[in-house]
Each structure stands twice: as structure tokens, then as C-alpha cells.
C-alpha atoms as a PDB file:
ATOM      1  CA  CYS A   1       0.001   0.000   0.000  1.00  0.00           C
ATOM      2  CA  ASN A   2       3.017   2.316   0.453  1.00  0.00           C
ATOM      3  CA  PHE A   3       1.060   4.267   3.097  1.00  0.00           C
ATOM      4  CA  MET A   4       2.504   7.760   3.574  1.00  0.00           C
ATOM      5  CA  SER A   5       1.630  10.361   6.165  1.00  0.00           C
ATOM      6  CA  HIS A   6       2.719  13.518   7.950  1.00  0.00           C
ATOM      7  CA  GLU A   7       4.110  12.841  11.402  1.00  0.00           C
ATOM      8  CA  LYS A   8       1.312  14.977  12.894  1.00  0.00           C
ATOM      9  CA  CYS A   9      -1.312  12.868  11.089  1.00  0.00           C
ATOM     10  CA  LEU A  10      -0.085   9.497  12.414  1.00  0.00           C
ATOM     11  CA  LYS A  11      -2.309   9.736  15.499  1.00  0.00           C
ATOM     12  CA  ASN A  12      -5.323   9.801  13.145  1.00  0.00           C
ATOM     13  CA  VAL A  13      -4.382   6.568  11.338  1.00  0.00           C
ATOM     14  CA  LYS A  14      -7.032   4.060  12.348  1.00  0.00           C
ATOM     15  CA  ILE A  15      -6.623   1.426   9.663  1.00  0.00           C
ATOM     16  CA  PRO A  16      -4.160  -1.462  10.075  1.00  0.00           C
ATOM     17  CA  CYS A  17      -1.410  -2.127   7.605  1.00  0.00           C
ATOM     18  CA  SER A  18      -3.249  -3.649   4.686  1.00  0.00           C
ATOM     19  CA  CYS A  19      -0.309  -5.318   2.962  1.00  0.00           C
ATOM     20  CA  ILE A  20       0.634  -8.964   3.338  1.00  0.00           C
ATOM     21  CA  ALA A  21       4.129  -8.016   4.569  1.00  0.00           C
ATOM     22  CA  PRO A  22       3.197  -7.726   8.274  1.00  0.00           C
ATOM     23  CA  SER A  23       2.127 -11.358   8.264  1.00  0.00           C
ATOM     24  CA  LEU A  24       5.555 -12.260   6.909  1.00  0.00           C
ATOM     25  CA  VAL A  25       7.698 -10.121   9.214  1.00  0.00           C
ATOM     26  CA  ARG A  26       8.689 -11.859  12.412  1.00  0.00           C
ATOM     27  CA  VAL A  27      12.075 -10.612  13.636  1.00  0.00           C
ATOM     28  CA  PRO A  28      13.856  -7.346  12.821  1.00  0.00           C
ATOM     29  CA  VAL A  29      17.310  -8.021  11.415  1.00  0.00           C
ATOM     30  CA  ALA A  30      20.393  -6.159  10.204  1.00  0.00           C
ATOM     31  CA  HIS A  31      20.184  -4.204   6.963  1.00  0.00           C
ATOM     32  CA  CYS A  32      21.498  -5.591   3.677  1.00  0.00           C
ATOM     33  CA  PHE A  33      23.554  -2.674   2.380  1.00  0.00           C
ATOM     34  CA  GLY A  34      24.634  -2.719  -1.253  1.00  0.00           C
ATOM     35  CA  PRO A  35      27.788  -1.094  -2.614  1.00  0.00           C
ATOM     36  CA  PRO A  36      28.194   2.628  -1.889  1.00  0.00           C
ATOM     37  CA  GLY A  37      26.612   4.938  -4.417  1.00  0.00           C
ATOM     38  CA  HIS A  38      25.457   8.513  -4.989  1.00  0.00           C
ATOM     39  CA  TYR A  39      21.825   9.165  -4.035  1.00  0.00           C
ATOM     40  CA  LYS A  40      20.563  12.594  -4.987  1.00  0.00           C
ATOM     41  CA  ARG A  41      17.824  14.236  -2.927  1.00  0.00           C
ATOM     42  CA  LYS A  42      17.998  11.574  -0.213  1.00  0.00           C
ATOM     43  CA  PHE A  43      18.836  11.978   3.454  1.00  0.00           C
ATOM     44  CA  CYS A  44      20.729   9.891   6.009  1.00  0.00           C
ATOM     45  CA  THR A  45      18.286   8.435   8.532  1.00  0.00           C
ATOM     46  CA  VAL A  46      20.955   8.485  11.250  1.00  0.00           C
ATOM     47  CA  CYS A  47      22.300  12.070  11.144  1.00  0.00           C
ATOM     48  CA  ARG A  48      19.402  13.456   9.015  1.00  0.00           C
ATOM     49  CA  LYS A  49      21.782  15.318   6.658  1.00  0.00           C
ATOM     50  CA  SER A  50      21.705  15.278   2.868  1.00  0.00           C
ATOM     51  CA  LEU A  51      23.571  12.466   1.080  1.00  0.00           C
ATOM     52  CA  GLU A  52      26.124  14.437  -0.924  1.00  0.00           C
ATOM     53  CA  SER A  53      28.984  11.929  -0.745  1.00  0.00           C
ATOM     54  CA  PRO A  54      28.887   8.182  -1.465  1.00  0.00           C
ATOM     55  CA  ALA A  55      26.397   6.486   0.829  1.00  0.00           C
ATOM     56  CA  PHE A  56      24.824   3.090   1.450  1.00  0.00           C
ATOM     57  CA  ARG A  57      21.261   1.960   0.719  1.00  0.00           C
ATOM     58  CA  CYS A  58      19.591  -1.111   2.174  1.00  0.00           C
ATOM     59  CA  GLU A  59      18.451  -3.332  -0.677  1.00  0.00           C
ATOM     60  CA  VAL A  60      15.489  -4.631   1.358  1.00  0.00           C
ATOM     61  CA  CYS A  61      13.933  -1.570   3.003  1.00  0.00           C
ATOM     62  CA  GLU A  62      15.699   1.303   1.170  1.00  0.00           C
ATOM     63  CA  LEU A  63      17.249   2.838   4.299  1.00  0.00           C
ATOM     64  CA  HIS A  64      19.895   5.437   3.323  1.00  0.00           C
ATOM     65  CA  VAL A  65      22.976   6.170   5.472  1.00  0.00           C
ATOM     66  CA  HIS A  66      26.333   7.920   5.122  1.00  0.00           C
ATOM     67  CA  THR A  67      29.478   5.817   5.119  1.00  0.00           C
ATOM     68  CA  ASP A  68      30.398   7.259   8.545  1.00  0.00           C
ATOM     69  CA  CYS A  69      26.893   6.631   9.955  1.00  0.00           C
ATOM     70  CA  ILE A  70      26.538   2.986   8.906  1.00  0.00           C
ATOM     71  CA  LEU A  71      27.784   1.716  12.285  1.00  0.00           C
ATOM     72  CA  PHE A  72      25.012   3.658  14.027  1.00  0.00           C
ATOM     73  CA  ALA A  73      22.149   2.384  11.848  1.00  0.00           C
ATOM     74  CA  CYS A  74      19.591   0.564  13.962  1.00  0.00           C
ATOM     75  CA  SER A  75      19.035  -3.087  12.980  1.00  0.00           C
ATOM     76  CA  ASP A  76      15.351  -2.662  12.230  1.00  0.00           C
ATOM     77  CA  CYS A  77      15.158  -4.140   8.770  1.00  0.00           C
ATOM     78  CA  ARG A  78      12.693  -6.901   8.054  1.00  0.00           C
ATOM     79  CA  GLN A  79      13.105 -10.629   7.702  1.00  0.00           C
ATOM     80  CA  CYS A  80      10.468 -12.175   5.483  1.00  0.00           C
ATOM     81  CA  HIS A  81       9.371 -15.744   5.746  1.00  0.00           C
ATOM     82  CA  GLN A  82       6.064 -17.476   5.746  1.00  0.00           C
ATOM     83  CA  ASP A  83       5.282 -20.082   8.347  1.00  0.00           C
ATOM     84  CA  GLY A  84       1.562 -20.427   7.615  1.00  0.00           C
ATOM     85  CA  HIS A  85       0.475 -18.513  10.729  1.00  0.00           C
ATOM     86  CA  GLN A  86      -1.421 -15.278  10.126  1.00  0.00           C
ATOM     87  CA  ASP A  87      -2.817 -13.117  12.891  1.00  0.00           C
ATOM     88  CA  HIS A  88      -4.945 -10.539  11.100  1.00  0.00           C
ATOM     89  CA  ASP A  89      -5.826  -8.629  14.288  1.00  0.00           C
ATOM     90  CA  THR A  90      -2.293  -7.494  15.105  1.00  0.00           C
ATOM     91  CA  TYR A  91      -1.158  -5.694  11.946  1.00  0.00           C
ATOM     92  CA  HIS A  92       0.854  -2.610  12.775  1.00  0.00           C
ATOM     93  CA  HIS A  93       2.671  -0.160  10.535  1.00  0.00           C
ATOM     94  CA  HIS A  94       6.467   0.092  10.665  1.00  0.00           C
ATOM     95  CA  TRP A  95       7.074   3.839  10.240  1.00  0.00           C
ATOM     96  CA  ARG A  96      10.271   5.228   8.735  1.00  0.00           C
ATOM     97  CA  GLU A  97      10.881   8.943   8.362  1.00  0.00           C
ATOM     98  CA  GLY A  98      11.614  10.737   5.113  1.00  0.00           C
ATOM     99  CA  ASN A  99      13.067  10.067   1.677  1.00  0.00           C
ATOM    100  CA  LEU A 100       9.626  10.345   0.059  1.00  0.00           C
ATOM    101  CA  SER A 101       9.213  11.666  -3.441  1.00  0.00           C
ATOM    102  CA  SER A 102       8.313  15.342  -3.761  1.00  0.00           C
ATOM    103  CA  SER A 103       4.885  14.362  -5.062  1.00  0.00           C
ATOM    104  CA  ALA A 104       4.040  12.012  -2.146  1.00  0.00           C
ATOM    105  CA  ARG A 105       0.661  12.730  -0.530  1.00  0.00           C
ATOM    106  CA  CYS A 106      -0.497  12.048   3.017  1.00  0.00           C
ATOM    107  CA  GLU A 107      -3.107   9.275   3.160  1.00  0.00           C
ATOM    108  CA  VAL A 108      -4.890  11.063   6.037  1.00  0.00           C
ATOM    109  CA  CYS A 109      -5.107  14.745   5.029  1.00  0.00           C
ATOM    110  CA  LYS A 110      -4.226  14.351   1.300  1.00  0.00           C
ATOM    111  CA  LYS A 111      -1.649  17.185   1.446  1.00  0.00           C
ATOM    112  CA  THR A 112       1.890  16.869   0.081  1.00  0.00           C
ATOM    113  CA  CYS A 113       4.191  15.252   2.665  1.00  0.00           C
ATOM    114  CA  GLY A 114       7.349  14.579   0.648  1.00  0.00           C
ATOM    115  CA  SER A 115      10.260  16.955   0.129  1.00  0.00           C
ATOM    116  CA  SER A 116      13.595  16.897  -1.635  1.00  0.00           C
ATOM    117  CA  GLU A 117      14.832  19.720   0.608  1.00  0.00           C
ATOM    118  CA  VAL A 118      14.518  18.119   4.071  1.00  0.00           C
ATOM    119  CA  LEU A 119      13.902  14.754   5.730  1.00  0.00           C
ATOM    120  CA  SER A 120      10.129  14.922   6.116  1.00  0.00           C
ATOM    121  CA  GLY A 121       7.064  12.716   6.090  1.00  0.00           C
ATOM    122  CA  MET A 122       6.602   9.144   7.274  1.00  0.00           C
ATOM    123  CA  ARG A 123       6.060   5.966   5.270  1.00  0.00           C
ATOM    124  CA  CYS A 124       5.313   2.417   6.253  1.00  0.00           C
ATOM    125  CA  GLU A 125       8.209   0.116   5.427  1.00  0.00           C
ATOM    126  CA  TRP A 126       5.974  -2.935   5.358  1.00  0.00           C
ATOM    127  CA  CYS A 127       3.287  -1.612   3.026  1.00  0.00           C
END
């Protein structure tokens, strides 16, 4: 569903995560960073500064971090497996701040929540 929202609108989110991913995610794990690259208009989720030098991107959840910040990245990626058990009453969103496209719109208030100038907006990593 790629649910996106302003941080101030999160308290108004009443619907559960509608994607199948929450039923597959069991244990947060370390990120799977690819080779360093240049990512324009993206921000480091550790220090919140613009990525102007080579940086790393998680190939699973698209977390962006500077080379110097990689040691401080929280191991909150997702591990996907299916064991046949699905608990549809406990779906929760896994919010990650920023790195939305400039045209991203909030699912709650329908206003623009993305920016290429600052780390803004929230998106669900599981949807």
C-alpha cells in the first residue's frame, strides 16, 4: 500500500497495515547494504543530513545512510518468511521517516508530505 503520512497525522491513522508483509515479518534483522553509491535528494536516517557523498542503501527496506553513519544504523530491517500462521488482528505499521518523493501525498489529510529539501514525512516500510 506504500502508506505515507505527515508525522502529525499518524495519530489519526485508524486502519491497520493492509499489505501482506506484516504477516511475513517476524524478527527485525540487520540491513542488507549494497555497494556505496550517490543518491541525490535523499537523506541519512541516522544524522538526518543530505547524502552528498557516497552512501549506502539497504536493498530490502531502502534505508539510506552515510558511510560514517553505517555503524550507528539501527538493525530494524525486516526478515520475510512465511510459516503459515497469520494473525490478522495485530497488523501494525512500521514507520520510517523521510526520503519520500516530492509528489508524495499524506493518506490522512491528502496534502503533500514529501520533500527533496529536508527529511520529512513518514512511510510504512511494510506496506
